[in-house]
Amino acid sequence: MKEQQNAFVKTERRDAAENRQRILKVALELFEQHGVEQVSMNQIAKETGIGPATLYRRYSNKGELCLDLIKNSIDIFFVEIGAFLEEQQHAPADQRLKEILKIFIQFKENKAHLLKGVEDSMSQNKSLLASPLYDELHRLFISLYKEMHSGNIVFKADMLLRAFTTDAYLFQREVRGLSPEEILEQLCATFLG
């Protein structure tokens, strides 16, 4: 009897995993074709061939779906930062912070549409910067600002993260016409000067 129950649970988990992968594949295709803002949860459910209720049981909004799509990329992003910090632990704090900002800009360039989907969802819930990504970056920024003996470190970390919201970043890229390198230099001049 236990073997039958275990076999049933494994099948259920495999089906759930397959369903999740199907949802993620369809959502990513739709997001890339139309943009995150233009795609509805109902459209994702319809294209996936599942009911909207099934989709909403797994993801309560597009932000959660976008976060699931970039979860592995976020993990890789922090592994890259961790390796850099370990390798450069004796470098001056301002140089380490500049490199972290450079790595974050590269990440932002590659994942802007999905990050915007996460941020849009969070801003609707009034918790824009309360995400694991921003919480960990905030902790890193504060730590480096502490080493630099740099004034009000919490305020600076908060404002630096605000400057890195996807809307602010894309505004500088698309409206102001700044390159990623120019954005990095402006951020460094503002927050490391």
N, C-alpha and C. Protein backbone atom coordinates (compact mmCIF):
# COMPACT_ATOMS: atom_id res chain seq x y z
N MET A 1 0.82 -1.20 0.00
CA MET A 1 0.00 0.00 0.00
C MET A 1 0.86 1.26 0.00
N LYS A 2 1.92 1.31 0.86
CA LYS A 2 2.80 2.47 0.89
C LYS A 2 3.49 2.67 -0.44
N GLU A 3 3.91 1.58 -1.09
CA GLU A 3 4.57 1.70 -2.39
C GLU A 3 3.62 2.32 -3.41
N GLN A 4 2.34 1.93 -3.36
CA GLN A 4 1.37 2.50 -4.28
C GLN A 4 1.20 4.00 -4.00
N GLN A 5 1.14 4.37 -2.71
CA GLN A 5 1.00 5.78 -2.37
C GLN A 5 2.22 6.58 -2.83
N ASN A 6 3.42 6.04 -2.60
CA ASN A 6 4.64 6.73 -3.02
C ASN A 6 4.68 6.89 -4.53
N ALA A 7 4.27 5.85 -5.27
CA ALA A 7 4.24 5.94 -6.73
C ALA A 7 3.27 7.03 -7.17
N PHE A 8 2.12 7.14 -6.48
CA PHE A 8 1.15 8.15 -6.82
C PHE A 8 1.71 9.55 -6.57
N VAL A 9 2.38 9.75 -5.43
CA VAL A 9 2.94 11.04 -5.09
C VAL A 9 4.01 11.43 -6.12
N LYS A 10 4.87 10.50 -6.52
CA LYS A 10 5.91 10.80 -7.50
C LYS A 10 5.29 11.22 -8.82
N THR A 11 4.23 10.51 -9.26
CA THR A 11 3.57 10.85 -10.51
C THR A 11 2.96 12.24 -10.41
N GLU A 12 2.36 12.54 -9.29
CA GLU A 12 1.75 13.84 -9.10
C GLU A 12 2.81 14.94 -9.14
N ARG A 13 3.92 14.72 -8.49
CA ARG A 13 4.98 15.71 -8.48
C ARG A 13 5.56 15.89 -9.89
N ARG A 14 5.74 14.80 -10.60
CA ARG A 14 6.27 14.90 -11.96
C ARG A 14 5.29 15.69 -12.83
N ASP A 15 4.00 15.39 -12.71
CA ASP A 15 2.99 16.11 -13.48
C ASP A 15 3.00 17.59 -13.13
N ALA A 16 3.09 17.88 -11.85
CA ALA A 16 3.12 19.28 -11.42
C ALA A 16 4.36 19.98 -11.98
N ALA A 17 5.49 19.31 -11.95
CA ALA A 17 6.73 19.88 -12.49
C ALA A 17 6.61 20.10 -13.99
N GLU A 18 6.03 19.13 -14.70
CA GLU A 18 5.84 19.28 -16.14
C GLU A 18 4.89 20.43 -16.45
N ASN A 19 3.83 20.54 -15.66
CA ASN A 19 2.86 21.62 -15.82
C ASN A 19 3.55 22.97 -15.60
N ARG A 20 4.36 23.05 -14.56
CA ARG A 20 5.09 24.28 -14.25
C ARG A 20 6.02 24.65 -15.40
N GLN A 21 6.75 23.69 -15.94
CA GLN A 21 7.66 23.95 -17.05
C GLN A 21 6.89 24.42 -18.29
N ARG A 22 5.72 23.84 -18.52
CA ARG A 22 4.90 24.26 -19.66
C ARG A 22 4.45 25.71 -19.48
N ILE A 23 4.01 26.04 -18.26
CA ILE A 23 3.58 27.41 -17.97
C ILE A 23 4.74 28.38 -18.20
N LEU A 24 5.91 28.05 -17.67
CA LEU A 24 7.07 28.93 -17.79
C LEU A 24 7.49 29.11 -19.25
N LYS A 25 7.46 28.03 -20.01
CA LYS A 25 7.85 28.09 -21.43
C LYS A 25 6.90 29.01 -22.20
N VAL A 26 5.60 28.79 -22.01
CA VAL A 26 4.61 29.60 -22.72
C VAL A 26 4.69 31.06 -22.28
N ALA A 27 4.80 31.29 -20.97
CA ALA A 27 4.87 32.66 -20.47
C ALA A 27 6.09 33.38 -21.04
N LEU A 28 7.23 32.74 -21.04
CA LEU A 28 8.45 33.37 -21.55
C LEU A 28 8.29 33.71 -23.03
N GLU A 29 7.72 32.79 -23.80
CA GLU A 29 7.50 33.06 -25.23
C GLU A 29 6.57 34.25 -25.42
N LEU A 30 5.48 34.29 -24.66
CA LEU A 30 4.54 35.40 -24.79
C LEU A 30 5.17 36.72 -24.34
N PHE A 31 5.93 36.69 -23.25
CA PHE A 31 6.60 37.90 -22.76
C PHE A 31 7.59 38.42 -23.78
N GLU A 32 8.33 37.52 -24.40
CA GLU A 32 9.31 37.95 -25.40
C GLU A 32 8.65 38.50 -26.66
N GLN A 33 7.49 37.94 -27.03
CA GLN A 33 6.78 38.39 -28.23
C GLN A 33 6.06 39.72 -28.01
N HIS A 34 5.41 39.87 -26.84
CA HIS A 34 4.49 40.99 -26.64
C HIS A 34 4.90 41.94 -25.50
N GLY A 35 5.84 41.55 -24.67
CA GLY A 35 6.19 42.34 -23.49
C GLY A 35 5.36 41.88 -22.30
N VAL A 36 5.95 41.93 -21.14
CA VAL A 36 5.29 41.44 -19.92
C VAL A 36 3.99 42.19 -19.66
N GLU A 37 4.01 43.51 -19.84
CA GLU A 37 2.83 44.33 -19.53
C GLU A 37 1.62 43.98 -20.40
N GLN A 38 1.89 43.54 -21.64
CA GLN A 38 0.81 43.30 -22.59
C GLN A 38 0.19 41.90 -22.48
N VAL A 39 0.80 41.02 -21.70
CA VAL A 39 0.32 39.64 -21.60
C VAL A 39 -0.47 39.48 -20.30
N SER A 40 -1.65 38.90 -20.41
CA SER A 40 -2.48 38.67 -19.22
C SER A 40 -2.29 37.25 -18.70
N MET A 41 -2.63 37.08 -17.46
CA MET A 41 -2.59 35.73 -16.87
C MET A 41 -3.56 34.82 -17.61
N ASN A 42 -4.71 35.34 -18.00
CA ASN A 42 -5.69 34.52 -18.74
C ASN A 42 -5.12 34.07 -20.08
N GLN A 43 -4.38 34.94 -20.74
CA GLN A 43 -3.75 34.58 -22.02
C GLN A 43 -2.73 33.46 -21.81
N ILE A 44 -1.96 33.55 -20.73
CA ILE A 44 -0.97 32.51 -20.43
C ILE A 44 -1.69 31.18 -20.18
N ALA A 45 -2.75 31.22 -19.40
CA ALA A 45 -3.52 30.00 -19.10
C ALA A 45 -4.07 29.40 -20.40
N LYS A 46 -4.66 30.24 -21.22
CA LYS A 46 -5.26 29.76 -22.47
C LYS A 46 -4.20 29.13 -23.38
N GLU A 47 -3.06 29.81 -23.56
CA GLU A 47 -2.00 29.30 -24.42
C GLU A 47 -1.36 28.03 -23.86
N THR A 48 -1.38 27.89 -22.55
CA THR A 48 -0.81 26.70 -21.91
C THR A 48 -1.78 25.53 -21.96
N GLY A 49 -3.07 25.84 -22.12
CA GLY A 49 -4.08 24.79 -22.14
C GLY A 49 -4.54 24.38 -20.75
N ILE A 50 -4.44 25.32 -19.80
CA ILE A 50 -4.91 25.04 -18.44
C ILE A 50 -5.95 26.10 -18.07
N GLY A 51 -6.69 25.84 -17.03
CA GLY A 51 -7.67 26.81 -16.57
C GLY A 51 -6.99 27.94 -15.80
N PRO A 52 -7.58 29.13 -15.84
CA PRO A 52 -7.01 30.26 -15.10
C PRO A 52 -6.86 29.96 -13.60
N ALA A 53 -7.78 29.22 -13.04
CA ALA A 53 -7.70 28.90 -11.60
C ALA A 53 -6.45 28.07 -11.31
N THR A 54 -6.12 27.16 -12.20
CA THR A 54 -4.90 26.34 -12.03
C THR A 54 -3.67 27.23 -12.06
N LEU A 55 -3.63 28.17 -12.98
CA LEU A 55 -2.50 29.08 -13.07
C LEU A 55 -2.40 29.95 -11.81
N TYR A 56 -3.54 30.48 -11.36
CA TYR A 56 -3.53 31.35 -10.18
C TYR A 56 -3.22 30.59 -8.89
N ARG A 57 -3.48 29.29 -8.85
CA ARG A 57 -3.08 28.51 -7.67
C ARG A 57 -1.56 28.44 -7.58
N ARG A 58 -0.90 28.39 -8.71
CA ARG A 58 0.57 28.31 -8.73
C ARG A 58 1.21 29.69 -8.63
N TYR A 59 0.67 30.67 -9.35
CA TYR A 59 1.21 32.03 -9.38
C TYR A 59 0.06 33.01 -9.17
N SER A 60 0.13 33.77 -8.10
CA SER A 60 -0.99 34.68 -7.83
C SER A 60 -0.96 35.92 -8.72
N ASN A 61 0.18 36.17 -9.39
CA ASN A 61 0.26 37.32 -10.30
C ASN A 61 1.44 37.13 -11.25
N LYS A 62 1.55 38.03 -12.22
CA LYS A 62 2.64 37.93 -13.21
C LYS A 62 4.00 38.13 -12.55
N GLY A 63 4.06 38.91 -11.50
CA GLY A 63 5.33 39.14 -10.82
C GLY A 63 5.92 37.85 -10.29
N GLU A 64 5.07 37.00 -9.69
CA GLU A 64 5.55 35.71 -9.19
C GLU A 64 6.03 34.83 -10.35
N LEU A 65 5.32 34.89 -11.44
CA LEU A 65 5.70 34.13 -12.63
C LEU A 65 7.03 34.62 -13.18
N CYS A 66 7.20 35.93 -13.27
CA CYS A 66 8.47 36.50 -13.74
C CYS A 66 9.61 36.13 -12.79
N LEU A 67 9.34 36.18 -11.51
CA LEU A 67 10.37 35.82 -10.52
C LEU A 67 10.80 34.37 -10.69
N ASP A 68 9.83 33.48 -10.94
CA ASP A 68 10.18 32.08 -11.16
C ASP A 68 11.01 31.91 -12.43
N LEU A 69 10.71 32.72 -13.44
CA LEU A 69 11.46 32.64 -14.69
C LEU A 69 12.92 33.08 -14.53
N ILE A 70 13.19 33.98 -13.60
CA ILE A 70 14.56 34.47 -13.46
C ILE A 70 15.27 33.96 -12.20
N LYS A 71 14.62 33.06 -11.46
CA LYS A 71 15.19 32.56 -10.22
C LYS A 71 16.61 32.02 -10.40
N ASN A 72 16.83 31.19 -11.39
CA ASN A 72 18.16 30.63 -11.63
C ASN A 72 19.16 31.72 -11.99
N SER A 73 18.71 32.70 -12.76
CA SER A 73 19.60 33.80 -13.14
C SER A 73 20.00 34.63 -11.92
N ILE A 74 19.08 34.80 -10.99
CA ILE A 74 19.39 35.53 -9.76
C ILE A 74 20.42 34.76 -8.94
N ASP A 75 20.24 33.45 -8.86
CA ASP A 75 21.22 32.63 -8.13
C ASP A 75 22.60 32.76 -8.75
N ILE A 76 22.68 32.69 -10.07
CA ILE A 76 23.96 32.81 -10.77
C ILE A 76 24.56 34.20 -10.55
N PHE A 77 23.72 35.22 -10.58
CA PHE A 77 24.13 36.60 -10.33
C PHE A 77 24.82 36.72 -8.97
N PHE A 78 24.22 36.15 -7.92
CA PHE A 78 24.82 36.25 -6.59
C PHE A 78 26.05 35.36 -6.45
N VAL A 79 26.11 34.25 -7.15
CA VAL A 79 27.33 33.43 -7.14
C VAL A 79 28.48 34.24 -7.77
N GLU A 80 28.18 34.93 -8.86
CA GLU A 80 29.19 35.77 -9.52
C GLU A 80 29.68 36.88 -8.60
N ILE A 81 28.75 37.53 -7.91
CA ILE A 81 29.13 38.59 -6.97
C ILE A 81 29.95 38.00 -5.82
N GLY A 82 29.53 36.87 -5.29
CA GLY A 82 30.26 36.23 -4.19
C GLY A 82 31.67 35.87 -4.59
N ALA A 83 31.84 35.33 -5.78
CA ALA A 83 33.17 34.95 -6.27
C ALA A 83 34.04 36.20 -6.42
N PHE A 84 33.46 37.26 -6.98
CA PHE A 84 34.21 38.50 -7.13
C PHE A 84 34.64 39.05 -5.77
N LEU A 85 33.71 39.09 -4.80
CA LEU A 85 34.04 39.64 -3.48
C LEU A 85 35.10 38.81 -2.77
N GLU A 86 35.05 37.52 -2.95
CA GLU A 86 36.06 36.66 -2.33
C GLU A 86 37.43 36.90 -2.97
N GLU A 87 37.43 36.99 -4.28
CA GLU A 87 38.68 37.19 -5.02
C GLU A 87 39.28 38.58 -4.74
N GLN A 88 38.42 39.57 -4.57
CA GLN A 88 38.87 40.96 -4.41
C GLN A 88 38.65 41.49 -2.99
N GLN A 89 38.69 40.62 -2.01
CA GLN A 89 38.36 41.03 -0.64
C GLN A 89 39.27 42.12 -0.09
N HIS A 90 40.46 42.28 -0.63
CA HIS A 90 41.38 43.30 -0.13
C HIS A 90 41.35 44.58 -0.97
N ALA A 91 40.58 44.58 -2.03
CA ALA A 91 40.46 45.79 -2.85
C ALA A 91 39.66 46.83 -2.06
N PRO A 92 39.88 48.11 -2.36
CA PRO A 92 39.11 49.16 -1.68
C PRO A 92 37.59 48.95 -1.88
N ALA A 93 36.83 49.30 -0.85
CA ALA A 93 35.38 49.07 -0.86
C ALA A 93 34.70 49.79 -2.03
N ASP A 94 35.14 51.00 -2.37
CA ASP A 94 34.50 51.71 -3.47
C ASP A 94 34.71 51.00 -4.80
N GLN A 95 35.88 50.37 -4.99
CA GLN A 95 36.13 49.61 -6.22
C GLN A 95 35.26 48.35 -6.26
N ARG A 96 35.10 47.71 -5.10
CA ARG A 96 34.24 46.52 -5.06
C ARG A 96 32.79 46.90 -5.33
N LEU A 97 32.33 48.01 -4.77
CA LEU A 97 30.96 48.44 -5.01
C LEU A 97 30.76 48.79 -6.48
N LYS A 98 31.73 49.45 -7.09
CA LYS A 98 31.62 49.79 -8.51
C LYS A 98 31.49 48.51 -9.35
N GLU A 99 32.25 47.49 -9.02
CA GLU A 99 32.17 46.24 -9.79
C GLU A 99 30.83 45.54 -9.59
N ILE A 100 30.30 45.59 -8.36
CA ILE A 100 28.97 45.01 -8.12
C ILE A 100 27.93 45.74 -8.96
N LEU A 101 28.03 47.07 -9.02
CA LEU A 101 27.09 47.84 -9.84
C LEU A 101 27.23 47.46 -11.32
N LYS A 102 28.44 47.24 -11.75
CA LYS A 102 28.67 46.83 -13.15
C LYS A 102 28.03 45.47 -13.42
N ILE A 103 28.21 44.53 -12.50
CA ILE A 103 27.59 43.20 -12.64
C ILE A 103 26.07 43.32 -12.65
N PHE A 104 25.54 44.21 -11.79
CA PHE A 104 24.08 44.39 -11.71
C PHE A 104 23.55 45.01 -13.00
N ILE A 105 24.29 45.94 -13.56
CA ILE A 105 23.86 46.53 -14.83
C ILE A 105 23.81 45.48 -15.94
N GLN A 106 24.80 44.61 -15.98
CA GLN A 106 24.79 43.53 -16.98
C GLN A 106 23.56 42.63 -16.77
N PHE A 107 23.28 42.31 -15.51
CA PHE A 107 22.10 41.50 -15.19
C PHE A 107 20.83 42.24 -15.61
N LYS A 108 20.76 43.53 -15.30
CA LYS A 108 19.59 44.35 -15.65
C LYS A 108 19.40 44.39 -17.16
N GLU A 109 20.48 44.52 -17.90
CA GLU A 109 20.41 44.54 -19.37
C GLU A 109 19.80 43.24 -19.90
N ASN A 110 20.19 42.11 -19.32
CA ASN A 110 19.74 40.80 -19.80
C ASN A 110 18.34 40.44 -19.36
N LYS A 111 17.89 40.95 -18.23
CA LYS A 111 16.62 40.49 -17.65
C LYS A 111 15.64 41.62 -17.36
N ALA A 112 15.81 42.78 -18.00
CA ALA A 112 15.00 43.96 -17.67
C ALA A 112 13.50 43.70 -17.76
N HIS A 113 13.04 43.03 -18.83
CA HIS A 113 11.59 42.85 -18.98
C HIS A 113 11.01 41.97 -17.87
N LEU A 114 11.73 40.96 -17.43
CA LEU A 114 11.23 40.12 -16.35
C LEU A 114 11.35 40.82 -15.00
N LEU A 115 12.44 41.55 -14.79
CA LEU A 115 12.59 42.31 -13.54
C LEU A 115 11.49 43.37 -13.43
N LYS A 116 11.14 43.99 -14.54
CA LYS A 116 10.06 44.97 -14.53
C LYS A 116 8.74 44.31 -14.14
N GLY A 117 8.50 43.11 -14.65
CA GLY A 117 7.28 42.39 -14.26
C GLY A 117 7.23 42.11 -12.76
N VAL A 118 8.36 41.75 -12.18
CA VAL A 118 8.43 41.52 -10.73
C VAL A 118 8.20 42.83 -9.99
N GLU A 119 8.89 43.88 -10.40
CA GLU A 119 8.78 45.17 -9.73
C GLU A 119 7.37 45.76 -9.84
N ASP A 120 6.75 45.65 -11.02
CA ASP A 120 5.39 46.16 -11.20
C ASP A 120 4.43 45.48 -10.24
N SER A 121 4.57 44.18 -10.11
CA SER A 121 3.71 43.43 -9.19
C SER A 121 3.95 43.86 -7.75
N MET A 122 5.21 44.04 -7.39
CA MET A 122 5.54 44.43 -6.02
C MET A 122 5.06 45.84 -5.72
N SER A 123 5.15 46.74 -6.69
CA SER A 123 4.73 48.12 -6.44
C SER A 123 3.22 48.20 -6.21
N GLN A 124 2.48 47.29 -6.82
CA GLN A 124 1.04 47.24 -6.58
C GLN A 124 0.75 46.81 -5.15
N ASN A 125 1.66 46.02 -4.59
CA ASN A 125 1.51 45.57 -3.20
C ASN A 125 2.26 46.48 -2.23
N LYS A 126 2.75 47.62 -2.73
CA LYS A 126 3.44 48.62 -1.92
C LYS A 126 4.69 48.09 -1.24
N SER A 127 5.36 47.14 -1.87
CA SER A 127 6.60 46.60 -1.29
C SER A 127 7.68 46.50 -2.36
N LEU A 128 7.85 47.58 -3.10
CA LEU A 128 8.71 47.59 -4.28
C LEU A 128 10.08 46.99 -4.04
N LEU A 129 10.72 47.36 -2.95
CA LEU A 129 12.08 46.89 -2.76
C LEU A 129 12.17 45.74 -1.77
N ALA A 130 11.05 45.15 -1.41
CA ALA A 130 11.07 44.03 -0.46
C ALA A 130 11.10 42.72 -1.23
N SER A 131 12.23 42.46 -1.87
CA SER A 131 12.40 41.20 -2.57
C SER A 131 13.74 40.64 -2.17
N PRO A 132 13.93 39.34 -2.30
CA PRO A 132 15.23 38.76 -1.95
C PRO A 132 16.39 39.39 -2.73
N LEU A 133 16.18 39.71 -4.00
CA LEU A 133 17.21 40.33 -4.82
C LEU A 133 17.63 41.67 -4.21
N TYR A 134 16.64 42.53 -3.96
CA TYR A 134 16.96 43.86 -3.44
C TYR A 134 17.41 43.81 -1.98
N ASP A 135 16.85 42.90 -1.20
CA ASP A 135 17.29 42.77 0.20
C ASP A 135 18.77 42.40 0.27
N GLU A 136 19.20 41.46 -0.56
CA GLU A 136 20.59 41.03 -0.54
C GLU A 136 21.51 42.14 -1.07
N LEU A 137 21.10 42.83 -2.12
CA LEU A 137 21.90 43.94 -2.63
C LEU A 137 21.99 45.06 -1.58
N HIS A 138 20.90 45.33 -0.90
CA HIS A 138 20.89 46.36 0.15
C HIS A 138 21.90 46.00 1.23
N ARG A 139 21.90 44.75 1.63
CA ARG A 139 22.84 44.28 2.65
C ARG A 139 24.28 44.48 2.17
N LEU A 140 24.55 44.12 0.92
CA LEU A 140 25.89 44.29 0.35
C LEU A 140 26.30 45.76 0.29
N PHE A 141 25.38 46.61 -0.18
CA PHE A 141 25.69 48.04 -0.29
C PHE A 141 26.00 48.63 1.09
N ILE A 142 25.19 48.29 2.08
CA ILE A 142 25.42 48.81 3.43
C ILE A 142 26.79 48.37 3.95
N SER A 143 27.11 47.11 3.75
CA SER A 143 28.39 46.58 4.20
C SER A 143 29.56 47.35 3.57
N LEU A 144 29.48 47.60 2.28
CA LEU A 144 30.56 48.32 1.59
C LEU A 144 30.58 49.80 1.99
N TYR A 145 29.41 50.42 2.13
CA TYR A 145 29.38 51.81 2.59
C TYR A 145 29.97 51.94 4.00
N LYS A 146 29.72 50.95 4.85
CA LYS A 146 30.30 50.95 6.19
C LYS A 146 31.82 50.98 6.13
N GLU A 147 32.38 50.16 5.25
CA GLU A 147 33.84 50.13 5.08
C GLU A 147 34.37 51.48 4.59
N MET A 148 33.56 52.18 3.81
CA MET A 148 33.99 53.48 3.27
C MET A 148 33.76 54.62 4.26
N HIS A 149 33.12 54.30 5.40
CA HIS A 149 32.76 55.34 6.39
C HIS A 149 31.99 56.45 5.70
N SER A 150 30.92 56.07 5.04
CA SER A 150 30.23 56.94 4.10
C SER A 150 28.88 57.42 4.61
N GLY A 151 28.86 58.41 5.46
CA GLY A 151 27.63 59.09 5.88
C GLY A 151 26.48 58.18 6.25
N ASN A 152 25.29 58.58 5.83
CA ASN A 152 24.07 57.83 6.14
C ASN A 152 23.97 56.64 5.19
N ILE A 153 24.52 55.51 5.62
CA ILE A 153 24.67 54.36 4.73
C ILE A 153 23.34 53.71 4.34
N VAL A 154 22.38 53.71 5.23
CA VAL A 154 21.07 53.10 4.90
C VAL A 154 20.38 53.93 3.83
N PHE A 155 20.42 55.25 4.01
CA PHE A 155 19.81 56.15 3.02
C PHE A 155 20.48 55.98 1.66
N LYS A 156 21.81 55.96 1.64
CA LYS A 156 22.53 55.81 0.37
C LYS A 156 22.19 54.48 -0.30
N ALA A 157 22.14 53.40 0.48
CA ALA A 157 21.79 52.09 -0.09
C ALA A 157 20.37 52.10 -0.65
N ASP A 158 19.45 52.72 0.10
CA ASP A 158 18.06 52.82 -0.37
C ASP A 158 17.98 53.59 -1.68
N MET A 159 18.64 54.74 -1.75
CA MET A 159 18.58 55.59 -2.94
C MET A 159 19.27 54.94 -4.13
N LEU A 160 20.37 54.24 -3.88
CA LEU A 160 21.05 53.53 -4.96
C LEU A 160 20.14 52.45 -5.54
N LEU A 161 19.44 51.73 -4.69
CA LEU A 161 18.50 50.72 -5.18
C LEU A 161 17.33 51.35 -5.92
N ARG A 162 16.88 52.51 -5.46
CA ARG A 162 15.81 53.22 -6.18
C ARG A 162 16.27 53.59 -7.58
N ALA A 163 17.53 54.01 -7.70
CA ALA A 163 18.08 54.37 -9.01
C ALA A 163 18.17 53.15 -9.92
N PHE A 164 18.17 51.97 -9.31
CA PHE A 164 18.29 50.73 -10.08
C PHE A 164 16.95 50.06 -10.36
N THR A 165 15.84 50.70 -10.00
CA THR A 165 14.57 50.09 -10.40
C THR A 165 14.56 50.04 -11.92
N THR A 166 13.86 49.09 -12.47
CA THR A 166 13.88 48.91 -13.91
C THR A 166 13.31 50.12 -14.64
N ASP A 167 12.25 50.74 -14.10
CA ASP A 167 11.71 51.94 -14.74
C ASP A 167 12.75 53.04 -14.81
N ALA A 168 13.47 53.28 -13.69
CA ALA A 168 14.50 54.33 -13.67
C ALA A 168 15.63 53.98 -14.62
N TYR A 169 16.04 52.73 -14.59
CA TYR A 169 17.13 52.30 -15.46
C TYR A 169 16.75 52.43 -16.94
N LEU A 170 15.58 51.92 -17.30
CA LEU A 170 15.15 52.00 -18.70
C LEU A 170 14.92 53.44 -19.15
N PHE A 171 14.49 54.31 -18.25
CA PHE A 171 14.33 55.72 -18.58
C PHE A 171 15.69 56.30 -19.00
N GLN A 172 16.71 56.01 -18.23
CA GLN A 172 18.06 56.51 -18.57
C GLN A 172 18.55 55.92 -19.89
N ARG A 173 18.25 54.65 -20.12
CA ARG A 173 18.69 53.99 -21.37
C ARG A 173 17.90 54.49 -22.58
N GLU A 174 16.58 54.48 -22.47
CA GLU A 174 15.73 54.71 -23.64
C GLU A 174 15.38 56.17 -23.87
N VAL A 175 15.16 56.93 -22.81
CA VAL A 175 14.76 58.33 -22.97
C VAL A 175 15.98 59.24 -22.97
N ARG A 176 16.87 59.04 -22.02
CA ARG A 176 18.06 59.90 -21.93
C ARG A 176 19.18 59.44 -22.87
N GLY A 177 19.10 58.20 -23.37
CA GLY A 177 20.06 57.71 -24.34
C GLY A 177 21.42 57.34 -23.77
N LEU A 178 21.49 57.07 -22.47
CA LEU A 178 22.76 56.69 -21.85
C LEU A 178 23.07 55.22 -22.10
N SER A 179 24.33 54.93 -22.30
CA SER A 179 24.76 53.55 -22.44
C SER A 179 24.89 52.94 -21.04
N PRO A 180 24.97 51.62 -20.93
CA PRO A 180 25.19 51.01 -19.62
C PRO A 180 26.46 51.54 -18.95
N GLU A 181 27.51 51.78 -19.72
CA GLU A 181 28.76 52.30 -19.17
C GLU A 181 28.57 53.72 -18.63
N GLU A 182 27.80 54.53 -19.35
CA GLU A 182 27.54 55.90 -18.88
C GLU A 182 26.68 55.90 -17.62
N ILE A 183 25.71 54.99 -17.56
CA ILE A 183 24.90 54.88 -16.36
C ILE A 183 25.77 54.50 -15.17
N LEU A 184 26.65 53.54 -15.37
CA LEU A 184 27.56 53.13 -14.30
C LEU A 184 28.39 54.31 -13.82
N GLU A 185 28.95 55.07 -14.73
CA GLU A 185 29.77 56.22 -14.34
C GLU A 185 28.96 57.27 -13.58
N GLN A 186 27.73 57.51 -14.03
CA GLN A 186 26.88 58.49 -13.35
C GLN A 186 26.50 58.00 -11.94
N LEU A 187 26.19 56.72 -11.83
CA LEU A 187 25.86 56.17 -10.51
C LEU A 187 27.05 56.26 -9.57
N CYS A 188 28.22 55.95 -10.08
CA CYS A 188 29.43 56.02 -9.26
C CYS A 188 29.71 57.46 -8.83
N ALA A 189 29.54 58.41 -9.76
CA ALA A 189 29.77 59.81 -9.43
C ALA A 189 28.78 60.29 -8.37
N THR A 190 27.55 59.79 -8.42
CA THR A 190 26.52 60.20 -7.49
C THR A 190 26.62 59.49 -6.14
N PHE A 191 26.86 58.19 -6.16
CA PHE A 191 26.78 57.42 -4.93
C PHE A 191 28.14 57.00 -4.33
N LEU A 192 29.21 57.23 -5.07
CA LEU A 192 30.53 56.91 -4.53
C LEU A 192 31.41 58.14 -4.38
N GLY A 193 30.91 59.29 -4.84
CA GLY A 193 31.69 60.51 -4.79
C GLY A 193 31.64 61.19 -3.45
